[in-house]
């Protein structure tokens, strides 16, 4: 198991990544169904196709945190802290500036098997948390009512 820990500013902006390696090969089993299931398991998440019939978008309180092409599940766009986005792009060949998105705040992750499913889930969690952190008190209270 490999760990990477970092923080930015106060302790409310920290991140922790860990992934498993087996014989030097990362294991990723994510497919469109598992991705959808994982995103929908989060509190207050909705899914829709606002752009076209194949771009599946996941939102929390009406704000996007993840999207992918349902016909060709080869990449995912996730929201990311700008400094962390740059670090991930430098560390992983599969992480690039967000395709058709604000490249400062979004990454496109290519599903190529070069990282674990656990790590991808952590990136999804981070994207979701970034959106939730920016919600108003009223929106956060509404989300907490789903608990």
Protein backbone atom coordinates (compact mmCIF):
# COMPACT_ATOMS: atom_id res chain seq x y z
CA UNK A 1 0.00 0.00 0.00
CA UNK A 2 1.29 3.47 -0.88
CA UNK A 3 0.27 6.67 0.91
CA UNK A 4 0.48 10.30 -0.12
CA UNK A 5 -0.70 12.99 2.30
CA UNK A 6 -0.86 16.73 1.82
CA UNK A 7 -2.68 19.80 2.97
CA UNK A 8 -3.34 23.31 1.78
CA UNK A 9 -3.91 26.18 4.16
CA UNK A 10 -6.01 25.31 7.17
CA UNK A 11 -6.95 21.76 8.08
CA UNK A 12 -10.30 21.98 6.27
CA UNK A 13 -8.43 21.65 2.97
CA UNK A 14 -6.52 18.41 3.21
CA UNK A 15 -6.32 15.38 1.02
CA UNK A 16 -5.21 11.84 1.48
CA UNK A 17 -4.59 9.34 -1.26
CA UNK A 18 -3.77 5.71 -0.92
CA UNK A 19 -3.82 2.92 -3.39
CA UNK A 20 -3.03 -0.75 -3.49
CA UNK A 21 -0.44 -2.31 -5.72
CA UNK A 22 -0.28 -6.00 -6.45
CA UNK A 23 2.87 -7.16 -8.15
CA UNK A 24 3.47 -3.58 -9.27
CA UNK A 25 0.13 -3.33 -11.12
CA UNK A 26 -2.68 -1.07 -9.95
CA UNK A 27 -6.12 -2.65 -9.97
CA UNK A 28 -9.11 -0.76 -11.36
CA UNK A 29 -12.47 -2.39 -11.96
CA UNK A 30 -14.51 0.76 -12.54
CA UNK A 31 -17.08 0.60 -15.31
CA UNK A 32 -20.01 2.88 -16.12
CA UNK A 33 -22.38 0.98 -13.82
CA UNK A 34 -20.00 1.07 -10.84
CA UNK A 35 -19.21 4.74 -11.50
CA UNK A 36 -22.91 5.62 -11.60
CA UNK A 37 -23.62 3.56 -8.48
CA UNK A 38 -20.77 5.21 -6.58
CA UNK A 39 -21.82 8.74 -7.54
CA UNK A 40 -25.48 8.09 -6.78
CA UNK A 41 -24.60 6.71 -3.33
CA UNK A 42 -23.65 10.21 -2.23
CA UNK A 43 -26.16 12.35 -0.35
CA UNK A 44 -28.41 14.57 -2.47
CA UNK A 45 -27.01 13.50 -5.85
CA UNK A 46 -29.06 13.64 -9.03
CA UNK A 47 -28.17 12.55 -12.54
CA UNK A 48 -29.19 14.04 -15.86
CA UNK A 49 -28.27 14.54 -19.50
CA UNK A 50 -28.28 18.36 -19.83
CA UNK A 51 -25.96 18.59 -22.83
CA UNK A 52 -26.88 15.66 -25.10
CA UNK A 53 -28.11 12.06 -24.95
CA UNK A 54 -24.73 10.57 -24.03
CA UNK A 55 -23.09 12.92 -21.50
CA UNK A 56 -24.18 11.76 -18.05
CA UNK A 57 -23.82 14.51 -15.43
CA UNK A 58 -23.94 14.05 -11.66
CA UNK A 59 -24.99 17.02 -9.55
CA UNK A 60 -25.39 17.83 -5.90
CA UNK A 61 -27.82 20.67 -5.15
CA UNK A 62 -27.94 21.39 -8.88
CA UNK A 63 -24.18 21.83 -9.23
CA UNK A 64 -21.99 19.48 -11.29
CA UNK A 65 -19.28 17.39 -9.68
CA UNK A 66 -18.80 14.59 -12.24
CA UNK A 67 -19.59 13.77 -15.85
CA UNK A 68 -18.80 11.09 -18.40
CA UNK A 69 -19.78 9.74 -21.80
CA UNK A 70 -22.13 6.78 -21.29
CA UNK A 71 -21.44 5.35 -24.76
CA UNK A 72 -17.67 5.45 -24.46
CA UNK A 73 -16.70 5.21 -20.77
CA UNK A 74 -13.01 5.99 -21.30
CA UNK A 75 -12.76 9.17 -19.20
CA UNK A 76 -14.41 11.11 -16.41
CA UNK A 77 -14.41 14.84 -15.69
CA UNK A 78 -14.12 15.73 -11.99
CA UNK A 79 -13.92 19.03 -10.16
CA UNK A 80 -10.60 19.57 -8.37
CA UNK A 81 -8.82 22.16 -6.22
CA UNK A 82 -6.59 24.13 -8.64
CA UNK A 83 -3.30 23.37 -6.86
CA UNK A 84 -4.17 19.72 -6.43
CA UNK A 85 -5.25 19.55 -10.09
CA UNK A 86 -1.78 20.57 -11.22
CA UNK A 87 -0.12 18.09 -8.86
CA UNK A 88 -2.29 15.22 -10.12
CA UNK A 89 -1.57 16.13 -13.74
CA UNK A 90 2.15 16.03 -13.00
CA UNK A 91 1.91 12.73 -11.12
CA UNK A 92 -0.47 10.78 -13.38
CA UNK A 93 -0.37 10.58 -17.18
CA UNK A 94 -4.07 9.68 -17.06
CA UNK A 95 -4.98 13.06 -15.52
CA UNK A 96 -5.28 16.04 -17.87
CA UNK A 97 -6.92 19.49 -17.79
CA UNK A 98 -10.71 19.17 -18.01
CA UNK A 99 -11.94 18.57 -21.55
CA UNK A 100 -14.55 21.24 -22.44
CA UNK A 101 -14.36 22.50 -18.83
CA UNK A 102 -12.63 25.24 -16.86
CA UNK A 103 -9.14 23.75 -16.90
CA UNK A 104 -8.22 25.43 -13.63
CA UNK A 105 -10.96 23.65 -11.68
CA UNK A 106 -11.60 20.44 -13.63
CA UNK A 107 -9.57 17.37 -14.55
CA UNK A 108 -10.28 14.73 -17.15
CA UNK A 109 -9.25 11.31 -15.90
CA UNK A 110 -8.64 8.65 -18.53
CA UNK A 111 -9.74 5.21 -17.37
CA UNK A 112 -6.58 3.39 -18.46
CA UNK A 113 -5.77 1.11 -15.53
CA UNK A 114 -2.82 3.21 -14.34
CA UNK A 115 -4.43 3.91 -10.94
CA UNK A 116 -6.68 2.03 -8.55
CA UNK A 117 -10.43 2.17 -8.19
CA UNK A 118 -9.93 3.28 -4.59
CA UNK A 119 -7.94 6.29 -5.80
CA UNK A 120 -10.59 7.14 -8.39
CA UNK A 121 -13.25 6.95 -5.68
CA UNK A 122 -11.22 9.37 -3.58
CA UNK A 123 -11.05 11.79 -6.52
CA UNK A 124 -14.84 11.49 -6.92
CA UNK A 125 -15.24 12.13 -3.16
CA UNK A 126 -13.00 15.18 -3.42
CA UNK A 127 -15.01 16.56 -6.34
CA UNK A 128 -18.29 16.04 -4.48
CA UNK A 129 -16.87 17.61 -1.29
CA UNK A 130 -15.61 20.68 -3.17
CA UNK A 131 -19.10 21.35 -4.47
CA UNK A 132 -20.77 20.72 -1.10
CA UNK A 133 -18.27 23.03 0.64
CA UNK A 134 -19.37 25.89 -1.64
CA UNK A 135 -23.10 25.43 -1.00
CA UNK A 136 -25.04 27.98 1.01
CA UNK A 137 -26.01 27.22 4.62
CA UNK A 138 -29.58 26.66 3.46
CA UNK A 139 -28.48 24.17 0.79
CA UNK A 140 -26.22 22.35 3.26
CA UNK A 141 -29.10 22.14 5.76
CA UNK A 142 -31.31 20.66 3.04
CA UNK A 143 -28.61 18.09 2.24
CA UNK A 144 -28.26 17.13 5.89
CA UNK A 145 -32.00 16.42 5.98
CA UNK A 146 -31.33 13.45 3.67
CA UNK A 147 -29.26 11.74 6.41
